[in-house]
C-alpha atoms as a PDB file:
ATOM      1  CA  MET A   1       4.855 -34.091  -4.845  1.00  0.00           C
ATOM      2  CA  GLY A   2       1.904 -33.395  -2.790  1.00  0.00           C
ATOM      3  CA  PHE A   3      -1.172 -35.642  -1.897  1.00  0.00           C
ATOM      4  CA  LEU A   4      -2.441 -36.094  -5.521  1.00  0.00           C
ATOM      5  CA  ARG A   5       0.717 -38.359  -6.356  1.00  0.00           C
ATOM      6  CA  ARG A   6       0.028 -40.755  -3.539  1.00  0.00           C
ATOM      7  CA  THR A   7      -1.526 -44.277  -3.800  1.00  0.00           C
ATOM      8  CA  LEU A   8      -4.807 -44.207  -2.035  1.00  0.00           C
ATOM      9  CA  ASN A   9      -5.363 -46.991   0.596  1.00  0.00           C
ATOM     10  CA  ASP A  10      -8.775 -46.455   1.731  1.00  0.00           C
ATOM     11  CA  GLY A  11     -10.164 -49.842   0.282  1.00  0.00           C
ATOM     12  CA  HIS A  12     -12.328 -48.625  -2.560  1.00  0.00           C
ATOM     13  CA  PHE A  13      -9.190 -47.208  -4.571  1.00  0.00           C
ATOM     14  CA  GLU A  14      -6.897 -49.729  -3.457  1.00  0.00           C
ATOM     15  CA  GLY A  15      -3.655 -49.836  -5.789  1.00  0.00           C
ATOM     16  CA  GLU A  16      -4.834 -46.754  -7.811  1.00  0.00           C
ATOM     17  CA  GLU A  17      -2.661 -43.696  -8.031  1.00  0.00           C
ATOM     18  CA  VAL A  18      -3.593 -40.218  -9.203  1.00  0.00           C
ATOM     19  CA  GLN A  19      -1.313 -38.824 -11.690  1.00  0.00           C
ATOM     20  CA  SER A  20      -0.784 -35.134 -11.947  1.00  0.00           C
ATOM     21  CA  GLU A  21       2.004 -33.091 -13.730  1.00  0.00           C
ATOM     22  CA  GLY A  22       3.427 -29.617 -14.009  1.00  0.00           C
ATOM     23  CA  ILE A  23       1.718 -26.642 -12.236  1.00  0.00           C
ATOM     24  CA  ILE A  24      -1.186 -28.623 -10.488  1.00  0.00           C
ATOM     25  CA  GLU A  25       1.678 -30.712  -8.847  1.00  0.00           C
ATOM     26  CA  GLU A  26       3.143 -27.665  -7.262  1.00  0.00           C
ATOM     27  CA  VAL A  27       0.044 -25.564  -6.312  1.00  0.00           C
ATOM     28  CA  ALA A  28      -2.269 -28.503  -4.946  1.00  0.00           C
ATOM     29  CA  PRO A  29      -0.643 -28.763  -1.585  1.00  0.00           C
ATOM     30  CA  PHE A  30      -1.712 -25.125  -0.905  1.00  0.00           C
ATOM     31  CA  LEU A  31      -5.193 -25.601  -2.048  1.00  0.00           C
ATOM     32  CA  TRP A  32      -6.775 -27.894   0.748  1.00  0.00           C
ATOM     33  CA  ASN A  33      -5.766 -29.023   3.986  1.00  0.00           C
ATOM     34  CA  GLU A  34      -5.356 -32.442   5.162  1.00  0.00           C
ATOM     35  CA  ALA A  35      -8.927 -32.966   6.728  1.00  0.00           C
ATOM     36  CA  THR A  36     -10.445 -31.822   3.314  1.00  0.00           C
ATOM     37  CA  ARG A  37      -8.219 -33.976   1.354  1.00  0.00           C
ATOM     38  CA  ARG A  38      -9.101 -37.236   2.990  1.00  0.00           C
ATOM     39  CA  LYS A  39     -12.887 -36.200   2.609  1.00  0.00           C
ATOM     40  CA  LEU A  40     -12.199 -35.653  -1.226  1.00  0.00           C
ATOM     41  CA  GLU A  41     -10.203 -38.843  -1.431  1.00  0.00           C
ATOM     42  CA  LYS A  42     -13.221 -40.913   0.206  1.00  0.00           C
ATOM     43  CA  GLY A  43     -16.277 -39.168  -1.447  1.00  0.00           C
ATOM     44  CA  ILE A  44     -15.075 -38.746  -5.002  1.00  0.00           C
ATOM     45  CA  PRO A  45     -14.561 -41.519  -7.498  1.00  0.00           C
ATOM     46  CA  HIS A  46     -11.368 -41.742  -9.370  1.00  0.00           C
ATOM     47  CA  LYS A  47     -12.814 -41.115 -12.849  1.00  0.00           C
ATOM     48  CA  VAL A  48     -14.672 -38.039 -11.542  1.00  0.00           C
ATOM     49  CA  ARG A  49     -11.355 -36.734  -9.940  1.00  0.00           C
ATOM     50  CA  SER A  50      -9.393 -37.508 -13.079  1.00  0.00           C
ATOM     51  CA  ALA A  51     -11.940 -35.612 -15.228  1.00  0.00           C
ATOM     52  CA  SER A  52     -11.854 -32.636 -13.113  1.00  0.00           C
ATOM     53  CA  LEU A  53      -8.006 -32.180 -13.257  1.00  0.00           C
ATOM     54  CA  PRO A  54      -8.057 -30.348 -16.624  1.00  0.00           C
ATOM     55  CA  ILE A  55     -10.949 -27.949 -15.441  1.00  0.00           C
ATOM     56  CA  LEU A  56      -8.901 -27.384 -12.251  1.00  0.00           C
ATOM     57  CA  LEU A  57      -5.663 -26.753 -14.029  1.00  0.00           C
ATOM     58  CA  THR A  58      -7.374 -24.250 -16.373  1.00  0.00           C
ATOM     59  CA  ILE A  59      -8.736 -22.466 -13.353  1.00  0.00           C
ATOM     60  CA  ILE A  60      -5.421 -22.238 -11.710  1.00  0.00           C
ATOM     61  CA  VAL A  61      -3.639 -21.196 -14.819  1.00  0.00           C
ATOM     62  CA  ALA A  62      -6.420 -18.487 -15.309  1.00  0.00           C
ATOM     63  CA  LEU A  63      -5.980 -17.191 -12.017  1.00  0.00           C
ATOM     64  CA  MET A  64      -2.275 -17.129 -12.214  1.00  0.00           C
ATOM     65  CA  ALA A  65      -2.593 -15.465 -15.471  1.00  0.00           C
ATOM     66  CA  SER A  66      -4.882 -12.730 -14.109  1.00  0.00           C
ATOM     67  CA  GLY A  67      -2.469 -12.162 -11.150  1.00  0.00           C
ATOM     68  CA  ILE A  68       0.429 -11.705 -13.511  1.00  0.00           C
ATOM     69  CA  THR A  69      -1.635  -9.279 -15.637  1.00  0.00           C
ATOM     70  CA  PHE A  70      -2.431  -7.439 -12.741  1.00  0.00           C
ATOM     71  CA  TRP A  71       0.973  -7.134 -11.485  1.00  0.00           C
ATOM     72  CA  ILE A  72       2.398  -6.045 -14.846  1.00  0.00           C
ATOM     73  CA  THR A  73      -0.385  -3.518 -15.169  1.00  0.00           C
ATOM     74  CA  ALA A  74       0.103  -2.047 -11.724  1.00  0.00           C
ATOM     75  CA  GLU A  75       3.791  -1.993 -12.356  1.00  0.00           C
ATOM     76  CA  TRP A  76       3.331   0.069 -15.485  1.00  0.00           C
ATOM     77  CA  TYR A  77       0.799   2.244 -14.089  1.00  0.00           C
ATOM     78  CA  CYS A  78       3.222   3.092 -10.924  1.00  0.00           C
ATOM     79  CA  GLY A  79       6.036   3.674 -13.400  1.00  0.00           C
ATOM     80  CA  ALA A  80       3.903   5.773 -15.759  1.00  0.00           C
ATOM     81  CA  CYS A  81       1.912   7.849 -13.452  1.00  0.00           C
ATOM     82  CA  ASN A  82       4.242  10.745 -13.267  1.00  0.00           C
ATOM     83  CA  SER A  83       4.753  10.997 -16.977  1.00  0.00           C
ATOM     84  CA  THR A  84       0.839  10.805 -17.605  1.00  0.00           C
ATOM     85  CA  ASN A  85       0.527  13.603 -15.284  1.00  0.00           C
ATOM     86  CA  ASP A  86       3.024  15.894 -16.832  1.00  0.00           C
ATOM     87  CA  LEU A  87       3.663  17.047 -20.409  1.00  0.00           C
ATOM     88  CA  TRP A  88       6.581  16.085 -22.358  1.00  0.00           C
ATOM     89  CA  SER A  89       9.975  17.817 -21.159  1.00  0.00           C
ATOM     90  CA  PRO A  90      13.583  17.075 -22.126  1.00  0.00           C
ATOM     91  CA  ALA A  91      14.252  17.101 -18.493  1.00  0.00           C
ATOM     92  CA  GLU A  92      11.564  14.405 -17.691  1.00  0.00           C
ATOM     93  CA  GLU A  93      14.052  11.685 -16.911  1.00  0.00           C
ATOM     94  CA  GLN A  94      15.541  13.835 -14.182  1.00  0.00           C
ATOM     95  CA  VAL A  95      12.359  13.793 -12.184  1.00  0.00           C
ATOM     96  CA  GLU A  96      12.467  11.900  -8.906  1.00  0.00           C
ATOM     97  CA  TYR A  97      10.750  12.200  -5.666  1.00  0.00           C
ATOM     98  CA  PHE A  98      11.906  12.075  -1.990  1.00  0.00           C
ATOM     99  CA  ASP A  99       9.901  12.937   1.225  1.00  0.00           C
ATOM    100  CA  LEU A 100      10.913  15.214   3.967  1.00  0.00           C
ATOM    101  CA  ASP A 101       9.758  17.638   6.693  1.00  0.00           C
ATOM    102  CA  ILE A 102      10.405  21.053   5.024  1.00  0.00           C
ATOM    103  CA  ASP A 103      12.289  23.176   7.344  1.00  0.00           C
ATOM    104  CA  ASN A 104       9.913  26.297   7.133  1.00  0.00           C
ATOM    105  CA  ASP A 105       9.249  27.425  10.699  1.00  0.00           C
ATOM    106  CA  PHE A 106       7.818  31.170  10.597  1.00  0.00           C
ATOM    107  CA  ALA A 107      11.161  32.645  11.560  1.00  0.00           C
ATOM    108  CA  ALA A 108      13.480  30.026  10.195  1.00  0.00           C
ATOM    109  CA  GLY A 109      16.783  31.161   8.827  1.00  0.00           C
ATOM    110  CA  SER A 110      17.772  30.573   5.245  1.00  0.00           C
ATOM    111  CA  ARG A 111      20.575  31.710   2.671  1.00  0.00           C
ATOM    112  CA  TYR A 112      17.903  32.972   0.609  1.00  0.00           C
ATOM    113  CA  ARG A 113      16.199  35.260   3.349  1.00  0.00           C
ATOM    114  CA  GLY A 114      16.906  38.480   4.887  1.00  0.00           C
ATOM    115  CA  PRO A 115      18.329  41.996   3.914  1.00  0.00           C
ATOM    116  CA  PRO A 116      20.224  41.905   0.191  1.00  0.00           C
ATOM    117  CA  THR A 117      23.961  41.255   0.544  1.00  0.00           C
ATOM    118  CA  PRO A 118      26.233  40.298  -2.550  1.00  0.00           C
ATOM    119  CA  GLU A 119      26.212  36.647  -1.286  1.00  0.00           C
ATOM    120  CA  LEU A 120      22.472  36.408  -0.881  1.00  0.00           C
ATOM    121  CA  ASP A 121      21.714  37.998  -4.284  1.00  0.00           C
ATOM    122  CA  ALA A 122      24.257  35.690  -6.049  1.00  0.00           C
ATOM    123  CA  ALA A 123      22.606  32.578  -4.391  1.00  0.00           C
ATOM    124  CA  TRP A 124      19.255  33.649  -5.580  1.00  0.00           C
ATOM    125  CA  GLU A 125      20.542  34.360  -9.214  1.00  0.00           C
ATOM    126  CA  GLU A 126      22.231  31.032  -9.192  1.00  0.00           C
ATOM    127  CA  LEU A 127      18.836  29.176  -8.709  1.00  0.00           C
ATOM    128  CA  TRP A 128      17.475  30.314 -11.757  1.00  0.00           C
ATOM    129  CA  HIS A 129      20.024  32.166 -14.205  1.00  0.00           C
ATOM    130  CA  PHE A 130      20.387  29.740 -17.125  1.00  0.00           C
ATOM    131  CA  GLY A 131      20.631  29.868 -20.944  1.00  0.00           C
ATOM    132  CA  TYR A 132      18.361  27.855 -23.137  1.00  0.00           C
ATOM    133  CA  VAL A 133      17.733  24.139 -23.860  1.00  0.00           C
ATOM    134  CA  ALA A 134      16.895  22.674 -27.259  1.00  0.00           C
ATOM    135  CA  ILE A 135      13.485  21.488 -28.051  1.00  0.00           C
ATOM    136  CA  PRO A 136      13.379  19.152 -31.289  1.00  0.00           C
ATOM    137  CA  ARG A 137      10.928  20.256 -34.048  1.00  0.00           C
ATOM    138  CA  ASP A 138       8.942  16.962 -33.601  1.00  0.00           C
ATOM    139  CA  LYS A 139       8.311  17.698 -30.000  1.00  0.00           C
ATOM    140  CA  LEU A 140       6.603  21.199 -30.592  1.00  0.00           C
ATOM    141  CA  SER A 141       3.168  19.357 -30.971  1.00  0.00           C
ATOM    142  CA  ALA A 142       3.449  17.801 -27.440  1.00  0.00           C
ATOM    143  CA  LEU A 143       3.667  21.357 -26.189  1.00  0.00           C
ATOM    144  CA  ASN A 144       0.449  22.405 -28.202  1.00  0.00           C
ATOM    145  CA  ARG A 145       2.589  24.505 -30.470  1.00  0.00           C
ATOM    146  CA  GLN A 146       3.929  25.031 -34.047  1.00  0.00           C
ATOM    147  CA  GLU A 147       6.816  27.059 -35.115  1.00  0.00           C
ATOM    148  CA  GLN A 148       4.341  29.537 -36.747  1.00  0.00           C
ATOM    149  CA  LEU A 149       2.122  30.888 -33.975  1.00  0.00           C
ATOM    150  CA  PRO A 150      -1.623  32.068 -34.832  1.00  0.00           C
ATOM    151  CA  ASP A 151      -0.775  35.678 -34.086  1.00  0.00           C
ATOM    152  CA  GLY A 152       1.927  35.699 -36.769  1.00  0.00           C
ATOM    153  CA  ARG A 153       5.079  35.440 -34.331  1.00  0.00           C
ATOM    154  CA  THR A 154       7.426  32.283 -34.547  1.00  0.00           C
ATOM    155  CA  VAL A 155       9.185  30.180 -32.099  1.00  0.00           C
ATOM    156  CA  ALA A 156      12.810  31.122 -31.875  1.00  0.00           C
ATOM    157  CA  ARG A 157      15.473  28.671 -32.916  1.00  0.00           C
ATOM    158  CA  ILE A 158      18.515  27.664 -31.299  1.00  0.00           C
ATOM    159  CA  ASN A 159      21.360  29.629 -33.136  1.00  0.00           C
ATOM    160  CA  GLY A 160      22.746  27.615 -36.083  1.00  0.00           C
ATOM    161  CA  SER A 161      19.986  25.223 -35.835  1.00  0.00           C
ATOM    162  CA  THR A 162      16.909  24.547 -38.234  1.00  0.00           C
ATOM    163  CA  ASP A 163      15.344  21.708 -36.268  1.00  0.00           C
ATOM    164  CA  HIS A 164      15.723  22.817 -32.659  1.00  0.00           C
ATOM    165  CA  PHE A 165      14.141  25.613 -30.777  1.00  0.00           C
ATOM    166  CA  GLN A 166      15.010  27.690 -27.742  1.00  0.00           C
ATOM    167  CA  ALA A 167      13.267  27.003 -24.298  1.00  0.00           C
ATOM    168  CA  SER A 168      13.701  27.402 -20.746  1.00  0.00           C
ATOM    169  CA  LEU A 169      12.019  25.135 -17.992  1.00  0.00           C
ATOM    170  CA  GLU A 170       9.157  26.609 -16.174  1.00  0.00           C
ATOM    171  CA  VAL A 171      10.797  26.188 -12.662  1.00  0.00           C
ATOM    172  CA  PHE A 172      13.462  28.719 -13.557  1.00  0.00           C
ATOM    173  CA  HIS A 173      11.059  31.271 -14.866  1.00  0.00           C
ATOM    174  CA  GLN A 174       9.089  30.986 -11.731  1.00  0.00           C
ATOM    175  CA  LEU A 175      11.980  31.360  -9.567  1.00  0.00           C
ATOM    176  CA  HIS A 176      13.128  34.223 -11.464  1.00  0.00           C
ATOM    177  CA  CYS A 177       9.682  35.851 -10.905  1.00  0.00           C
ATOM    178  CA  LEU A 178       9.887  35.113  -7.186  1.00  0.00           C
ATOM    179  CA  ASP A 179      13.458  36.724  -7.099  1.00  0.00           C
ATOM    180  CA  VAL A 180      11.892  39.807  -8.881  1.00  0.00           C
ATOM    181  CA  VAL A 181       9.222  40.090  -6.352  1.00  0.00           C
ATOM    182  CA  ARG A 182      11.966  39.819  -3.479  1.00  0.00           C
ATOM    183  CA  GLN A 183      13.953  42.511  -4.904  1.00  0.00           C
ATOM    184  CA  HIS A 184      10.988  44.806  -5.313  1.00  0.00           C
ATOM    185  CA  SER A 185      10.108  44.179  -1.671  1.00  0.00           C
ATOM    186  CA  TRP A 186      13.730  45.560  -0.663  1.00  0.00           C
ATOM    187  CA  ALA A 187      13.778  48.299  -3.387  1.00  0.00           C
ATOM    188  CA  ALA A 188      14.090  51.007  -0.788  1.00  0.00           C
ATOM    189  CA  TYR A 189      16.960  49.126   0.796  1.00  0.00           C
ATOM    190  CA  TYR A 190      18.899  48.849  -2.488  1.00  0.00           C
ATOM    191  CA  ALA A 191      18.427  52.563  -2.801  1.00  0.00           C
ATOM    192  CA  ARG A 192      19.846  53.289   0.580  1.00  0.00           C
ATOM    193  CA  HIS A 193      23.000  50.727   0.451  1.00  0.00           C
ATOM    194  CA  THR A 194      24.375  51.448  -3.100  1.00  0.00           C
ATOM    195  CA  ASP A 195      28.034  51.138  -1.300  1.00  0.00           C
ATOM    196  CA  THR A 196      27.234  47.491  -0.318  1.00  0.00           C
ATOM    197  CA  VAL A 197      24.966  46.064  -2.762  1.00  0.00           C
ATOM    198  CA  ARG A 198      24.207  46.792  -6.389  1.00  0.00           C
ATOM    199  CA  THR A 199      20.657  47.467  -7.335  1.00  0.00           C
ATOM    200  CA  PRO A 200      19.434  44.619  -9.765  1.00  0.00           C
ATOM    201  CA  ALA A 201      18.951  45.267 -13.316  1.00  0.00           C
ATOM    202  CA  ASP A 202      15.258  44.451 -13.041  1.00  0.00           C
ATOM    203  CA  LEU A 203      14.706  47.427 -10.813  1.00  0.00           C
ATOM    204  CA  LYS A 204      16.591  49.754 -13.133  1.00  0.00           C
ATOM    205  CA  VAL A 205      13.588  50.332 -15.263  1.00  0.00           C
ATOM    206  CA  SER A 206      10.814  53.045 -15.571  1.00  0.00           C
ATOM    207  CA  PRO A 207       8.336  52.867 -12.496  1.00  0.00           C
ATOM    208  CA  VAL A 208       5.729  51.689 -15.197  1.00  0.00           C
ATOM    209  CA  GLY A 209       7.804  48.867 -16.583  1.00  0.00           C
ATOM    210  CA  LEU A 210       8.699  47.665 -13.070  1.00  0.00           C
ATOM    211  CA  ARG A 211       5.200  47.688 -11.911  1.00  0.00           C
ATOM    212  CA  MET A 212       4.253  45.618 -14.976  1.00  0.00           C
ATOM    213  CA  HIS A 213       7.102  43.076 -14.423  1.00  0.00           C
ATOM    214  CA  VAL A 214       6.263  42.681 -10.979  1.00  0.00           C
ATOM    215  CA  ASP A 215       2.399  42.421 -11.539  1.00  0.00           C
ATOM    216  CA  HIS A 216       3.637  39.650 -14.333  1.00  0.00           C
ATOM    217  CA  CYS A 217       5.588  37.763 -11.801  1.00  0.00           C
ATOM    218  CA  ILE A 218       2.746  37.824  -9.037  1.00  0.00           C
ATOM    219  CA  GLU A 219       0.195  36.644 -11.606  1.00  0.00           C
ATOM    220  CA  THR A 220       2.751  33.842 -12.700  1.00  0.00           C
ATOM    221  CA  LEU A 221       3.218  32.546  -9.290  1.00  0.00           C
ATOM    222  CA  ARG A 222      -0.553  32.985  -8.469  1.00  0.00           C
ATOM    223  CA  LYS A 223      -1.277  30.586 -11.510  1.00  0.00           C
ATOM    224  CA  THR A 224       1.428  28.262 -10.892  1.00  0.00           C
ATOM    225  CA  ILE A 225       0.343  27.665  -7.368  1.00  0.00           C
ATOM    226  CA  MET A 226      -3.209  27.192  -8.263  1.00  0.00           C
ATOM    227  CA  CYS A 227      -2.275  25.025 -11.222  1.00  0.00           C
ATOM    228  CA  GLN A 228      -0.285  22.776  -8.846  1.00  0.00           C
ATOM    229  CA  SER A 229      -2.835  22.698  -6.310  1.00  0.00           C
ATOM    230  CA  ASP A 230      -0.701  21.208  -3.622  1.00  0.00           C
ATOM    231  CA  VAL A 231      -3.098  19.113  -1.378  1.00  0.00           C
ATOM    232  CA  THR A 232      -0.347  18.245   1.295  1.00  0.00           C
ATOM    233  CA  PRO A 233      -2.072  18.475   4.759  1.00  0.00           C
ATOM    234  CA  LEU A 234      -0.923  21.417   6.822  1.00  0.00           C
ATOM    235  CA  LEU A 235      -1.778  20.421  10.557  1.00  0.00           C
ATOM    236  CA  ILE A 236      -2.746  22.940  13.208  1.00  0.00           C
ATOM    237  CA  ILE A 237      -0.638  23.102  16.185  1.00  0.00           C
ATOM    238  CA  ASN A 238      -2.038  24.271  19.575  1.00  0.00           C
ATOM    239  CA  ASP A 239      -0.527  27.387  20.722  1.00  0.00           C
ATOM    240  CA  PRO A 240      -1.554  29.020  24.031  1.00  0.00           C
ATOM    241  CA  THR A 241      -0.756  32.508  22.444  1.00  0.00           C
ATOM    242  CA  LYS A 242      -3.001  32.003  19.411  1.00  0.00           C
ATOM    243  CA  PRO A 243      -6.751  30.996  19.718  1.00  0.00           C
ATOM    244  CA  ASP A 244      -6.922  29.483  16.510  1.00  0.00           C
ATOM    245  CA  GLY A 245      -3.690  27.586  16.855  1.00  0.00           C
ATOM    246  CA  CYS A 246      -0.663  27.967  14.374  1.00  0.00           C
ATOM    247  CA  PRO A 247       0.189  26.169  11.099  1.00  0.00           C
ATOM    248  CA  ASP A 248       2.754  23.556  10.975  1.00  0.00           C
ATOM    249  CA  PHE A 249       4.853  25.281   8.332  1.00  0.00           C
ATOM    250  CA  SER A 250       7.415  22.536   8.368  1.00  0.00           C
ATOM    251  CA  ALA A 251       4.964  19.975   6.987  1.00  0.00           C
ATOM    252  CA  PHE A 252       5.738  16.510   5.722  1.00  0.00           C
ATOM    253  CA  HIS A 253       5.995  16.928   1.751  1.00  0.00           C
ATOM    254  CA  ARG A 254       6.803  14.760  -1.239  1.00  0.00           C
ATOM    255  CA  CYS A 255       9.144  16.785  -3.342  1.00  0.00           C
ATOM    256  CA  ARG A 256      10.896  16.419  -6.728  1.00  0.00           C
ATOM    257  CA  LYS A 257      14.649  16.582  -6.613  1.00  0.00           C
ATOM    258  CA  PHE A 258      15.416  20.080  -7.604  1.00  0.00           C
ATOM    259  CA  HIS A 259      19.086  19.676  -7.794  1.00  0.00           C
ATOM    260  CA  ARG A 260      18.796  16.915 -10.476  1.00  0.00           C
ATOM    261  CA  VAL A 261      16.860  19.267 -12.605  1.00  0.00           C
ATOM    262  CA  TRP A 262      19.063  22.135 -11.830  1.00  0.00           C
ATOM    263  CA  ALA A 263      22.082  20.166 -12.788  1.00  0.00           C
ATOM    264  CA  TRP A 264      20.542  18.827 -15.949  1.00  0.00           C
ATOM    265  CA  MET A 265      19.859  22.464 -16.931  1.00  0.00           C
ATOM    266  CA  LYS A 266      23.296  23.416 -16.204  1.00  0.00           C
ATOM    267  CA  ARG A 267      24.806  20.669 -18.476  1.00  0.00           C
ATOM    268  CA  ASN A 268      22.437  21.315 -21.387  1.00  0.00           C
ATOM    269  CA  GLN A 269      22.079  24.979 -21.485  1.00  0.00           C
ATOM    270  CA  ARG A 270      23.116  27.116 -24.575  1.00  0.00           C
ATOM    271  CA  ASP A 271      23.299  30.650 -25.283  1.00  0.00           C
ATOM    272  CA  VAL A 272      24.058  31.570 -21.674  1.00  0.00           C
ATOM    273  CA  PRO A 273      23.416  35.171 -20.890  1.00  0.00           C
ATOM    274  CA  ARG A 274      25.921  37.118 -18.687  1.00  0.00           C
ATOM    275  CA  ARG A 275      25.448  37.271 -15.082  1.00  0.00           C
ATOM    276  CA  MET A 276      24.855  40.411 -13.101  1.00  0.00           C
ATOM    277  CA  ASP A 277      28.072  41.293 -11.216  1.00  0.00           C
ATOM    278  CA  HIS A 278      27.194  41.355  -7.401  1.00  0.00           C
ATOM    279  CA  THR A 279      30.564  41.578  -6.056  1.00  0.00           C
ATOM    280  CA  GLY A 280      32.386  44.332  -8.010  1.00  0.00           C
ATOM    281  CA  SER A 281      34.518  41.484  -9.789  1.00  0.00           C
ATOM    282  CA  LYS A 282      34.232  40.592 -13.438  1.00  0.00           C
ATOM    283  CA  ASP A 283      31.137  39.150 -14.759  1.00  0.00           C
ATOM    284  CA  HIS A 284      31.117  35.291 -15.095  1.00  0.00           C
ATOM    285  CA  SER A 285      28.774  32.813 -16.754  1.00  0.00           C
ATOM    286  CA  VAL A 286      26.498  30.606 -14.745  1.00  0.00           C
ATOM    287  CA  GLY A 287      28.471  27.526 -16.108  1.00  0.00           C
ATOM    288  CA  GLU A 288      31.468  28.859 -13.871  1.00  0.00           C
ATOM    289  CA  SER A 289      29.285  28.966 -10.756  1.00  0.00           C
ATOM    290  CA  GLY A 290      29.754  26.431  -7.950  1.00  0.00           C
END
């Protein structure tokens, strides 16, 4: 195959054949064009060319090895980049990404937006109301914790276990906090419409306790937003009614598939607390919700 196996007929090398085997035989046709080949055949003695083959073979093998190493390293890096950016989590295998334009125009409707109703309150609670998941003892160090905390407190164990500890996932704590802020913003509405909606339990506390809870949630969301530091560009759209333009709130985003994490939590939760009764019917656990 290729020109290296041909018998050269230029007079000087009559009857001689260049022998080549293996990878050089496959790669050589892609290294030089026909004109370069003829010049090389005419200008390089056979012994020199024969002596150069091992060197050429070594170079080609080295280049191919470098390419393979680069490819493997790139594949590993792309596959591991997500895990190296996040702490260990029992749900890390559920993390997948997808791209979309978020439908978030300034006045866009949503099942999570508007005055409280039994259906809206239930939809919000379904986002975050879960029990605990189990964290193995040998993973506490990955979370920068030990069972005995420096202030004397201890990490709570899963009921009936000596080697697994209770945990939630931050996303559900953050959604709970956002729900508390939402409820607080509608506190007067809940008070005026006790015939149609039930006042959430988080609002049925002392004014000081409520203020502390809301402030905690606002601070949690502030720190989370700053910790994540979303750098997605938010384009500005020309708007004749606004001299400075209007942000494109429906920006193109790369998102984690929330439903995968939500479904994992639903499957793996333990010690599920009772849900708030929004409809006047009996309480039901989150595991029974659709």
